[in-house]
Amino acid sequence: MLFELTASEHGLLRLTTMSMSCCRALALALTVLPTTLLCQTDAGTLPSGTPLAVTIDHNYPLRAGETIRGQLLYSIYADNKLLLAKGTVVTGEVVALHSDRTRRIKAAMGGDFTPFHSPVLHFTGLLLADGSTVRFASGMATDGAPIYRAVAPPTEKGGFIRREFDAGVSAARSDIAIFIAPGKGDRLLQFVYGRLPYHPQRIDKGTSWIVETSESVDLAAQLAPPPVPPQPPVRKPHFWEERAPAAAPANNDSAWRVQANLEDSLSSESSSKGQVIHAVVAEPIYNTDHTVAVPQGATLVGAVTRAKPARKFGRTGVLSFSFNQLMLPNAETQTVETRLTGADTAEQIALNSEGQAQSKPQDKLAVPFILVMMAARPLDQDHHGSGNDHQLGKNGIGGAAGLGLVGTVVGLAGGSPYAAAGIGYWGAARAFYYRWIARGQQIAFAKDTRIVVETTPRRSAPIKPDKQP
């Protein structure tokens, strides 16, 4: 049986279909709207004096006027609200170049006469998620350096022999990584540049600076950054790769992992035992009901527990500190026990299981040994080569060990194997001096250094921390 619809019935059917579509769209909008709102950061004001850690993800030419585009190393909170997500773009430019006299002298002793400079940067803009740029005032950024992350290992097992063996393995991994780890092509290029008497300069990828805002900055609400894609399955690390530390346990009723910025600069050379230190909590810790357990802006108060300056014959400095008070805004001060479990510093340091900072183990034998072998080549009178040309090749190898390309040219031009060997042994002696005789590495924490502290209340805690959201 066939049915025919009148014009009015057709119109009613279309109206009903449109109404149902609108209802579905409205329902979808009502469903998505709360999620969208939840995915926004609140508007707020970035206080004056807020430290911003900025890093660059590719190389830049070293020249005044160069525009720099970096990213925030850490998320920035104010009043326990996320205002700037990690990775937010920060813009600035190179405003000046300062002569790096120490580096110039050291390089010239190895045949590199490049007039080294260090850049002075001025960061002035924040590029937000909606594409807008917010201007901010800050001081000049100097002394840029790569940031190395030190993580305290689990409790050490074994005695002195085991610790020395682990240190040797760590140094061997570092040596092997130079030749095998990703980026080896660029490292080779920079090594070749270092052998030339003059070469171009650059601001290296990974260089970081810490600047403080000199005025408050008003920020509008922004969409949260996209979710981080799932990580690929963990593979077994190669020998030359540093073993990733075990995942830290979640915050619980008896311990918090507090991210904080040091308010005081510390150094194994200038700090003394008992020196009072402070650190400001950078990220809040929340309870299960999303109330704040440890607020951003709370202050950790402690003291230096050991400071030993670096000494001659490669003996490095030692520095350790701990906090014993947690000062909460508008609340009583908590007595706590702490252990330093992480730090981001400009120097390659290592933390032991007790949180003591020491220099990272480095190989002291490989480089001097290789240079000695190269320096001895001109003196190898085996007479199995092809005459004078073969001897000139040996002279070039010996000269390269001491003064790079300059030494190679001198070794080839001079013709004397003893002169070439002398230049090579000069390079070996320099390498031996810096590794075995010169003053060892100092341990330093600059102001605003990001640290991670495991904090345990000594008394019954009036606040109960839990996982961060």
Protein backbone atom coordinates (compact mmCIF):
# COMPACT_ATOMS: atom_id res chain seq x y z
CA MET A 1 0.00 0.00 0.00
CA LEU A 2 1.46 3.35 -1.02
CA PHE A 3 1.26 6.49 1.07
CA GLU A 4 1.46 10.02 -0.31
CA LEU A 5 2.33 13.04 1.81
CA THR A 6 0.78 16.41 1.29
CA ALA A 7 2.85 19.60 1.09
CA SER A 8 1.98 20.50 4.65
CA GLU A 9 3.00 17.05 5.84
CA HIS A 10 6.31 17.38 3.95
CA GLY A 11 6.95 20.69 5.72
CA LEU A 12 6.10 19.21 9.10
CA LEU A 13 8.45 16.28 8.50
CA ARG A 14 11.31 18.60 7.52
CA LEU A 15 10.65 20.78 10.58
CA THR A 16 10.66 17.75 12.84
CA THR A 17 13.95 16.50 11.31
CA MET A 18 15.56 19.93 11.70
CA SER A 19 14.38 20.15 15.28
CA MET A 20 15.88 16.77 16.11
CA SER A 21 19.21 17.81 14.50
CA CYS A 22 19.24 21.04 16.48
CA CYS A 23 18.54 19.15 19.67
CA ARG A 24 21.41 16.76 19.00
CA ALA A 25 23.74 19.69 18.24
CA LEU A 26 22.60 21.49 21.39
CA ALA A 27 23.10 18.36 23.47
CA LEU A 28 26.57 17.90 21.99
CA ALA A 29 27.43 21.52 22.71
CA LEU A 30 26.21 21.21 26.29
CA THR A 31 28.30 18.06 26.65
CA VAL A 32 31.47 19.60 25.21
CA LEU A 33 31.16 23.00 26.90
CA PRO A 34 32.03 21.88 30.44
CA THR A 35 34.96 19.87 29.06
CA THR A 36 36.19 22.94 27.17
CA LEU A 37 35.92 25.07 30.25
CA LEU A 38 37.81 22.47 32.28
CA CYS A 39 40.54 22.49 29.63
CA GLN A 40 41.24 26.19 30.15
CA THR A 41 43.73 27.76 32.51
CA ASP A 42 42.44 30.55 34.69
CA ALA A 43 43.30 34.17 34.10
CA GLY A 44 45.73 35.60 36.60
CA THR A 45 48.64 37.87 37.32
CA LEU A 46 52.25 36.79 37.16
CA PRO A 47 53.94 38.52 40.10
CA SER A 48 57.06 40.59 39.76
CA GLY A 49 60.17 38.56 40.52
CA THR A 50 58.82 35.30 39.05
CA PRO A 51 61.73 33.23 37.66
CA LEU A 52 61.35 32.04 34.06
CA ALA A 53 63.69 29.28 32.89
CA VAL A 54 64.05 29.54 29.09
CA THR A 55 65.79 27.06 26.78
CA ILE A 56 66.30 26.93 23.01
CA ASP A 57 65.72 23.83 20.87
CA HIS A 58 68.04 24.62 17.95
CA ASN A 59 71.26 26.50 17.22
CA TYR A 60 71.41 30.26 16.57
CA PRO A 61 74.18 32.38 15.02
CA LEU A 62 76.14 34.34 17.60
CA ARG A 63 75.51 37.93 16.53
CA ALA A 64 73.91 41.03 18.00
CA GLY A 65 70.33 41.61 16.91
CA GLU A 66 69.58 37.91 16.37
CA THR A 67 65.98 37.05 17.26
CA ILE A 68 65.73 34.18 19.76
CA ARG A 69 62.74 31.89 20.23
CA GLY A 70 62.84 29.71 23.33
CA GLN A 71 60.50 27.67 25.51
CA LEU A 72 59.75 27.53 29.21
CA LEU A 73 61.45 24.63 30.95
CA TYR A 74 58.85 24.49 33.72
CA SER A 75 55.17 25.30 34.19
CA ILE A 76 54.54 28.57 36.03
CA TYR A 77 51.96 28.83 38.82
CA ALA A 78 50.62 31.80 40.77
CA ASP A 79 48.09 31.59 43.62
CA ASN A 80 48.05 27.81 43.03
CA LYS A 81 46.74 28.28 39.49
CA LEU A 82 48.52 27.23 36.31
CA LEU A 83 49.23 30.41 34.35
CA LEU A 84 51.88 29.32 31.85
CA ALA A 85 52.31 25.73 30.68
CA LYS A 86 55.69 24.12 30.18
CA GLY A 87 56.80 24.72 26.60
CA THR A 88 55.22 28.17 26.29
CA VAL A 89 57.19 30.13 23.67
CA VAL A 90 59.33 33.01 24.94
CA THR A 91 60.77 35.52 22.46
CA GLY A 92 63.74 37.86 22.74
CA GLU A 93 66.93 38.94 20.99
CA VAL A 94 70.67 39.12 21.42
CA VAL A 95 71.40 42.68 22.55
CA ALA A 96 75.17 42.50 23.10
CA LEU A 97 78.24 40.28 22.91
CA HIS A 98 80.75 40.16 25.76
CA SER A 99 84.31 39.00 25.31
CA ASP A 100 84.95 35.61 26.93
CA ARG A 101 88.58 36.15 27.95
CA THR A 102 89.01 32.92 29.92
CA ARG A 103 87.84 30.79 27.03
CA ARG A 104 90.00 32.74 24.59
CA ILE A 105 93.18 32.10 26.56
CA LYS A 106 92.47 28.41 27.05
CA ALA A 107 91.61 27.93 23.35
CA ALA A 108 94.69 29.84 22.17
CA MET A 109 96.92 27.44 24.12
CA GLY A 110 95.51 24.69 21.90
CA GLY A 111 95.93 26.54 18.60
CA ASP A 112 92.40 28.03 18.38
CA PHE A 113 92.57 31.83 18.09
CA THR A 114 88.84 32.46 17.66
CA PRO A 115 87.76 35.65 19.55
CA PHE A 116 85.14 33.95 21.69
CA HIS A 117 82.14 35.94 22.96
CA SER A 118 79.22 35.21 25.26
CA PRO A 119 75.78 36.57 24.31
CA VAL A 120 73.59 38.90 26.37
CA LEU A 121 69.89 38.29 25.72
CA HIS A 122 66.75 40.25 26.52
CA PHE A 123 63.52 38.24 26.64
CA THR A 124 60.41 40.40 26.27
CA GLY A 125 57.49 38.35 24.90
CA LEU A 126 55.28 35.36 25.75
CA LEU A 127 53.52 33.69 22.82
CA LEU A 128 50.30 32.22 24.26
CA ALA A 129 48.22 29.30 23.02
CA ASP A 130 45.65 31.57 21.34
CA GLY A 131 48.40 33.16 19.22
CA SER A 132 48.55 36.43 21.13
CA THR A 133 51.81 37.86 22.45
CA VAL A 134 52.08 39.32 25.94
CA ARG A 135 54.95 41.68 26.60
CA PHE A 136 56.83 41.49 29.90
CA ALA A 137 59.75 43.28 31.49
CA SER A 138 62.83 41.42 32.69
CA GLY A 139 66.52 41.88 33.24
CA MET A 140 69.27 40.87 30.86
CA ALA A 141 70.01 37.16 30.51
CA THR A 142 73.71 36.29 30.72
CA ASP A 143 75.81 33.20 31.45
CA GLY A 144 73.66 30.87 29.36
CA ALA A 145 74.52 27.20 29.71
CA PRO A 146 72.99 23.77 29.06
CA ILE A 147 70.88 22.42 31.90
CA TYR A 148 71.89 19.01 33.24
CA ARG A 149 69.41 17.03 35.32
CA ALA A 150 70.86 15.19 38.29
CA VAL A 151 68.72 12.54 39.97
CA ALA A 152 69.55 10.78 43.23
CA PRO A 153 69.87 7.00 42.75
CA PRO A 154 68.35 4.37 45.03
CA THR A 155 70.21 3.48 48.18
CA GLU A 156 73.70 2.39 47.19
CA LYS A 157 74.66 -1.25 47.59
CA GLY A 158 78.15 -2.53 48.16
CA GLY A 159 81.24 -0.88 49.54
CA PHE A 160 84.08 1.24 48.22
CA ILE A 161 85.00 -1.14 45.38
CA ARG A 162 81.42 -1.26 44.09
CA ARG A 163 81.13 2.54 44.14
CA GLU A 164 84.42 2.95 42.27
CA PHE A 165 83.34 0.36 39.70
CA ASP A 166 80.02 2.17 39.16
CA ALA A 167 81.89 5.48 38.74
CA GLY A 168 84.17 3.90 36.13
CA VAL A 169 81.19 2.49 34.22
CA SER A 170 79.50 5.91 34.26
CA ALA A 171 82.65 7.56 32.88
CA ALA A 172 82.97 4.88 30.18
CA ARG A 173 79.36 5.45 29.14
CA SER A 174 80.02 9.16 28.76
CA ASP A 175 83.08 8.51 26.58
CA ILE A 176 81.27 6.02 24.34
CA ALA A 177 78.21 8.26 24.04
CA ILE A 178 80.36 10.96 22.43
CA PHE A 179 80.93 8.69 19.42
CA ILE A 180 77.64 6.77 19.28
CA ALA A 181 74.78 8.72 20.86
CA PRO A 182 72.40 10.80 18.67
CA GLY A 183 73.93 14.07 17.46
CA LYS A 184 77.35 12.53 16.79
CA GLY A 185 77.53 14.24 13.38
CA ASP A 186 77.23 17.69 14.92
CA ARG A 187 79.71 16.80 17.66
CA LEU A 188 82.20 15.70 15.00
CA LEU A 189 81.72 18.97 13.14
CA GLN A 190 82.31 20.99 16.29
CA PHE A 191 85.40 18.90 17.06
CA VAL A 192 86.80 19.69 13.61
CA TYR A 193 86.00 23.37 14.11
CA GLY A 194 87.89 23.27 17.40
CA ARG A 195 91.03 22.13 15.57
CA LEU A 196 90.95 25.18 13.27
CA PRO A 197 92.74 28.44 14.15
CA TYR A 198 89.48 30.33 13.54
CA HIS A 199 85.89 29.14 13.18
CA PRO A 200 82.33 30.53 13.38
CA GLN A 201 80.53 30.71 16.70
CA ARG A 202 76.96 29.91 17.62
CA ILE A 203 74.52 29.71 20.51
CA ASP A 204 74.17 25.97 20.99
CA LYS A 205 70.93 24.07 21.12
CA GLY A 206 69.93 23.40 24.73
CA THR A 207 71.47 26.59 26.11
CA SER A 208 69.26 27.91 28.93
CA TRP A 209 68.85 31.11 30.90
CA ILE A 210 66.88 32.09 34.00
CA VAL A 211 65.33 35.56 34.05
CA GLU A 212 63.02 37.19 36.57
CA THR A 213 60.06 39.37 35.66
CA SER A 214 60.65 42.93 36.86
CA GLU A 215 56.95 43.87 36.71
CA SER A 216 53.69 41.98 37.19
CA VAL A 217 52.12 40.53 34.03
CA ASP A 218 48.37 40.06 33.48
CA LEU A 219 47.49 36.87 31.60
CA ALA A 220 44.15 35.87 30.09
CA ALA A 221 42.68 32.37 30.31
CA GLN A 222 44.15 30.00 27.76
CA LEU A 223 43.35 26.61 26.33
CA ALA A 224 45.41 23.92 27.97
CA PRO A 225 48.19 22.37 25.86
CA PRO A 226 47.30 19.22 23.91
CA PRO A 227 47.70 15.94 25.79
CA VAL A 228 51.10 14.34 25.67
CA PRO A 229 51.07 11.38 23.25
CA PRO A 230 51.64 7.96 24.82
CA GLN A 231 55.27 7.03 25.19
CA PRO A 232 56.63 4.12 23.14
CA PRO A 233 57.39 0.89 25.00
CA VAL A 234 60.49 1.12 27.12
CA ARG A 235 63.38 -0.65 25.42
CA LYS A 236 66.47 -2.03 27.03
CA PRO A 237 69.06 0.79 27.12
CA HIS A 238 72.35 0.46 25.31
CA PHE A 239 75.54 0.26 27.33
CA TRP A 240 76.50 3.87 26.61
CA GLU A 241 73.12 5.25 27.75
CA GLU A 242 72.60 6.39 31.31
CA ARG A 243 70.08 4.18 33.09
CA ALA A 244 66.82 6.01 33.72
CA PRO A 245 66.06 6.34 37.44
CA ALA A 246 63.21 4.32 38.84
CA ALA A 247 59.86 6.10 38.88
CA ALA A 248 59.38 8.06 42.06
CA PRO A 249 56.55 6.87 44.31
CA ALA A 250 53.38 8.93 44.36
CA ASN A 251 52.83 11.51 47.09
CA ASN A 252 51.28 9.87 50.12
CA ASP A 253 50.36 10.63 53.71
CA SER A 254 53.96 10.43 54.89
CA ALA A 255 55.99 12.13 52.14
CA TRP A 256 55.76 14.85 49.51
CA ARG A 257 57.89 15.45 46.45
CA VAL A 258 58.23 19.21 46.35
CA GLN A 259 59.43 21.17 43.31
CA ALA A 260 61.04 24.39 44.47
CA ASN A 261 63.32 27.22 43.33
CA LEU A 262 66.35 28.09 45.43
CA GLU A 263 66.28 31.64 46.73
CA ASP A 264 69.98 31.62 47.58
CA SER A 265 72.97 30.89 45.38
CA LEU A 266 75.15 28.12 46.81
CA SER A 267 78.68 27.03 46.03
CA SER A 268 81.18 24.59 47.43
CA GLU A 269 83.72 27.45 47.25
CA SER A 270 81.83 30.18 49.13
CA SER A 271 79.11 28.51 51.20
CA SER A 272 79.79 27.41 54.77
CA LYS A 273 78.31 24.80 57.06
CA GLY A 274 75.27 26.15 58.87
CA GLN A 275 74.45 28.82 56.27
CA VAL A 276 70.69 29.40 56.26
CA ILE A 277 69.02 28.79 52.91
CA HIS A 278 65.50 29.16 51.51
CA ALA A 279 63.57 27.65 48.61
CA VAL A 280 60.14 28.65 47.30
CA VAL A 281 57.65 25.93 46.34
CA ALA A 282 57.03 26.28 42.59
CA GLU A 283 54.11 23.87 42.08
CA PRO A 284 51.26 23.09 44.48
CA ILE A 285 50.49 19.62 45.81
CA TYR A 286 46.82 18.71 46.13
CA ASN A 287 44.65 16.50 48.34
CA THR A 288 42.29 13.95 46.84
CA ASP A 289 39.42 16.42 47.11
CA HIS A 290 41.51 18.92 45.08
CA THR A 291 42.14 21.17 48.05
CA VAL A 292 45.69 22.45 48.36
CA ALA A 293 47.98 20.45 50.60
CA VAL A 294 51.28 22.26 49.98
CA PRO A 295 50.61 25.63 48.30
CA GLN A 296 52.73 27.22 45.64
CA GLY A 297 54.67 30.02 47.28
CA ALA A 298 55.30 28.15 50.55
CA THR A 299 58.88 28.42 51.79
CA LEU A 300 61.32 25.69 52.72
CA VAL A 301 63.92 26.80 55.28
CA GLY A 302 67.10 24.86 55.90
CA ALA A 303 70.88 25.05 56.08
CA VAL A 304 74.05 23.90 54.39
CA THR A 305 75.19 20.69 56.07
CA ARG A 306 78.53 20.27 54.28
CA ALA A 307 80.64 22.47 52.02
CA LYS A 308 84.09 21.44 50.81
CA PRO A 309 85.83 23.55 48.15
CA ALA A 310 87.52 22.07 45.12
CA ARG A 311 91.27 21.56 45.47
CA LYS A 312 94.31 20.88 43.36
CA PHE A 313 95.02 17.51 41.75
CA GLY A 314 91.48 17.22 40.41
CA ARG A 315 89.78 16.98 43.81
CA THR A 316 86.27 18.28 43.24
CA GLY A 317 84.10 20.23 45.61
CA VAL A 318 81.36 18.71 47.75
CA LEU A 319 78.11 20.40 48.78
CA SER A 320 75.07 19.16 50.64
CA PHE A 321 72.12 20.91 52.23
CA SER A 322 68.76 20.03 53.70
CA PHE A 323 65.58 21.72 54.85
CA ASN A 324 63.93 21.29 58.25
CA GLN A 325 60.99 23.70 58.10
CA LEU A 326 58.07 24.20 55.74
CA MET A 327 56.50 27.64 56.18
CA LEU A 328 52.92 27.67 54.91
CA PRO A 329 51.11 30.97 54.23
CA ASN A 330 48.69 31.82 57.04
CA ALA A 331 49.40 28.54 58.81
CA GLU A 332 51.77 27.10 61.36
CA THR A 333 55.26 26.11 60.32
CA GLN A 334 55.74 22.40 59.73
CA THR A 335 58.85 20.59 60.95
CA VAL A 336 60.08 18.30 58.19
CA GLU A 337 62.91 16.03 57.15
CA THR A 338 64.15 16.36 53.58
CA ARG A 339 66.40 14.72 51.02
CA LEU A 340 67.52 16.29 47.76
CA THR A 341 66.39 13.92 44.99
CA GLY A 342 66.82 16.08 41.90
CA ALA A 343 68.41 19.29 40.62
CA ASP A 344 68.74 21.07 37.27
CA THR A 345 72.13 22.81 37.14
CA ALA A 346 74.53 24.32 34.64
CA GLU A 347 77.29 21.96 35.80
CA GLN A 348 77.35 18.20 35.32
CA ILE A 349 76.93 17.01 38.88
CA ALA A 350 75.79 13.77 40.46
CA LEU A 351 73.67 13.17 43.55
CA ASN A 352 74.29 10.22 45.81
CA SER A 353 71.53 8.35 47.62
CA GLU A 354 71.78 10.77 50.58
CA GLY A 355 71.29 13.82 48.34
CA GLN A 356 74.88 15.03 48.49
CA ALA A 357 76.06 16.84 45.33
CA GLN A 358 79.39 15.87 43.79
CA SER A 359 80.94 16.13 40.35
CA LYS A 360 79.89 13.55 37.78
CA PRO A 361 82.57 10.87 37.28
CA GLN A 362 84.69 11.60 34.22
CA ASP A 363 87.36 9.63 32.45
CA LYS A 364 90.88 10.92 33.17
CA LEU A 365 92.91 8.45 31.14
CA ALA A 366 91.49 8.06 27.62
CA VAL A 367 92.18 11.53 26.20
CA PRO A 368 95.74 11.94 27.60
CA PHE A 369 96.61 8.41 26.45
CA ILE A 370 95.35 9.04 22.90
CA LEU A 371 97.28 12.33 22.70
CA VAL A 372 100.48 10.67 23.96
CA MET A 373 100.16 8.00 21.27
CA MET A 374 99.67 10.67 18.59
CA ALA A 375 102.60 12.72 19.91
CA ALA A 376 104.90 9.68 19.76
CA ARG A 377 104.20 8.97 16.08
CA PRO A 378 106.92 11.32 14.70
CA LEU A 379 109.53 9.48 16.81
CA ASP A 380 108.54 6.09 15.41
CA GLN A 381 111.51 5.46 13.12
CA ASP A 382 110.44 2.08 11.77
CA HIS A 383 111.54 2.87 8.18
CA HIS A 384 108.69 0.78 6.80
CA GLY A 385 106.92 3.70 5.20
CA SER A 386 107.35 5.31 1.82
CA GLY A 387 110.26 7.59 2.61
CA ASN A 388 109.99 11.22 3.50
CA ASP A 389 106.27 11.48 2.73
CA HIS A 390 105.51 8.87 5.36
CA GLN A 391 107.56 10.75 7.96
CA LEU A 392 105.78 14.00 7.12
CA GLY A 393 102.44 12.26 7.75
CA LYS A 394 103.66 11.20 11.19
CA ASN A 395 104.82 14.75 11.88
CA GLY A 396 101.37 16.05 10.95
CA ILE A 397 99.69 13.62 13.37
CA GLY A 398 102.03 14.65 16.19
CA GLY A 399 101.51 18.36 15.59
CA ALA A 400 97.70 17.92 15.45
CA ALA A 401 97.74 16.45 18.96
CA GLY A 402 99.12 19.69 20.36
CA LEU A 403 97.87 22.64 18.29
CA GLY A 404 95.25 21.28 15.92
CA LEU A 405 95.54 22.51 12.33
CA VAL A 406 98.30 24.94 13.29
CA GLY A 407 100.33 22.08 14.75
CA THR A 408 99.71 19.97 11.64
CA VAL A 409 101.00 22.73 9.36
CA VAL A 410 104.07 23.30 11.56
CA GLY A 411 104.77 19.55 11.69
CA LEU A 412 104.51 19.19 7.92
CA ALA A 413 106.53 22.32 7.16
CA GLY A 414 109.27 21.91 9.74
CA GLY A 415 110.30 18.42 8.80
CA SER A 416 111.81 17.77 12.22
CA PRO A 417 110.19 14.80 14.02
CA TYR A 418 111.38 16.17 17.35
CA ALA A 419 109.61 19.50 16.84
CA ALA A 420 106.40 17.75 15.83
CA ALA A 421 106.63 15.38 18.80
CA GLY A 422 107.28 18.33 21.13
CA ILE A 423 104.10 20.05 19.93
CA GLY A 424 102.15 16.81 20.42
CA TYR A 425 103.47 16.27 23.94
CA TRP A 426 102.47 19.86 24.74
CA GLY A 427 98.86 18.91 23.97
CA ALA A 428 99.11 15.72 26.04
CA ALA A 429 100.62 17.65 28.95
CA ARG A 430 97.74 20.17 28.84
CA ALA A 431 95.18 17.36 28.88
CA PHE A 432 96.98 15.68 31.79
CA TYR A 433 97.21 18.95 33.72
CA TYR A 434 93.52 19.79 33.45
CA ARG A 435 92.50 16.28 34.49
CA TRP A 436 95.02 15.47 37.19
CA ILE A 437 96.76 18.59 38.53
CA ALA A 438 94.46 21.59 38.10
CA ARG A 439 91.77 22.46 40.62
CA GLY A 440 88.78 20.14 40.39
CA GLN A 441 85.23 21.10 39.52
CA GLN A 442 83.32 23.27 41.95
CA ILE A 443 79.72 22.47 42.85
CA ALA A 444 77.40 25.44 42.40
CA PHE A 445 73.65 26.07 42.51
CA ALA A 446 72.65 29.42 41.04
CA LYS A 447 69.76 31.45 42.40
CA ASP A 448 66.40 30.13 41.12
CA THR A 449 67.83 26.67 40.44
CA ARG A 450 64.99 24.14 40.24
CA ILE A 451 65.35 21.38 42.83
CA VAL A 452 63.21 18.41 43.82
CA VAL A 453 63.03 17.65 47.53
CA GLU A 454 61.48 14.62 49.18
CA THR A 455 59.87 16.07 52.29
CA THR A 456 58.67 14.00 55.24
CA PRO A 457 56.80 15.57 58.21
CA ARG A 458 58.33 14.74 61.59
CA ARG A 459 55.09 15.24 63.49
CA SER A 460 51.54 14.26 62.70
CA ALA A 461 50.74 16.20 59.59
CA PRO A 462 47.70 18.51 59.71
CA ILE A 463 47.58 18.34 55.90
CA LYS A 464 47.36 15.19 53.83
CA PRO A 465 49.01 15.35 50.43
CA ASP A 466 48.11 13.11 47.58
CA LYS A 467 48.75 12.83 43.88
CA GLN A 468 49.11 15.99 41.92
CA PRO A 469 46.32 16.44 39.37
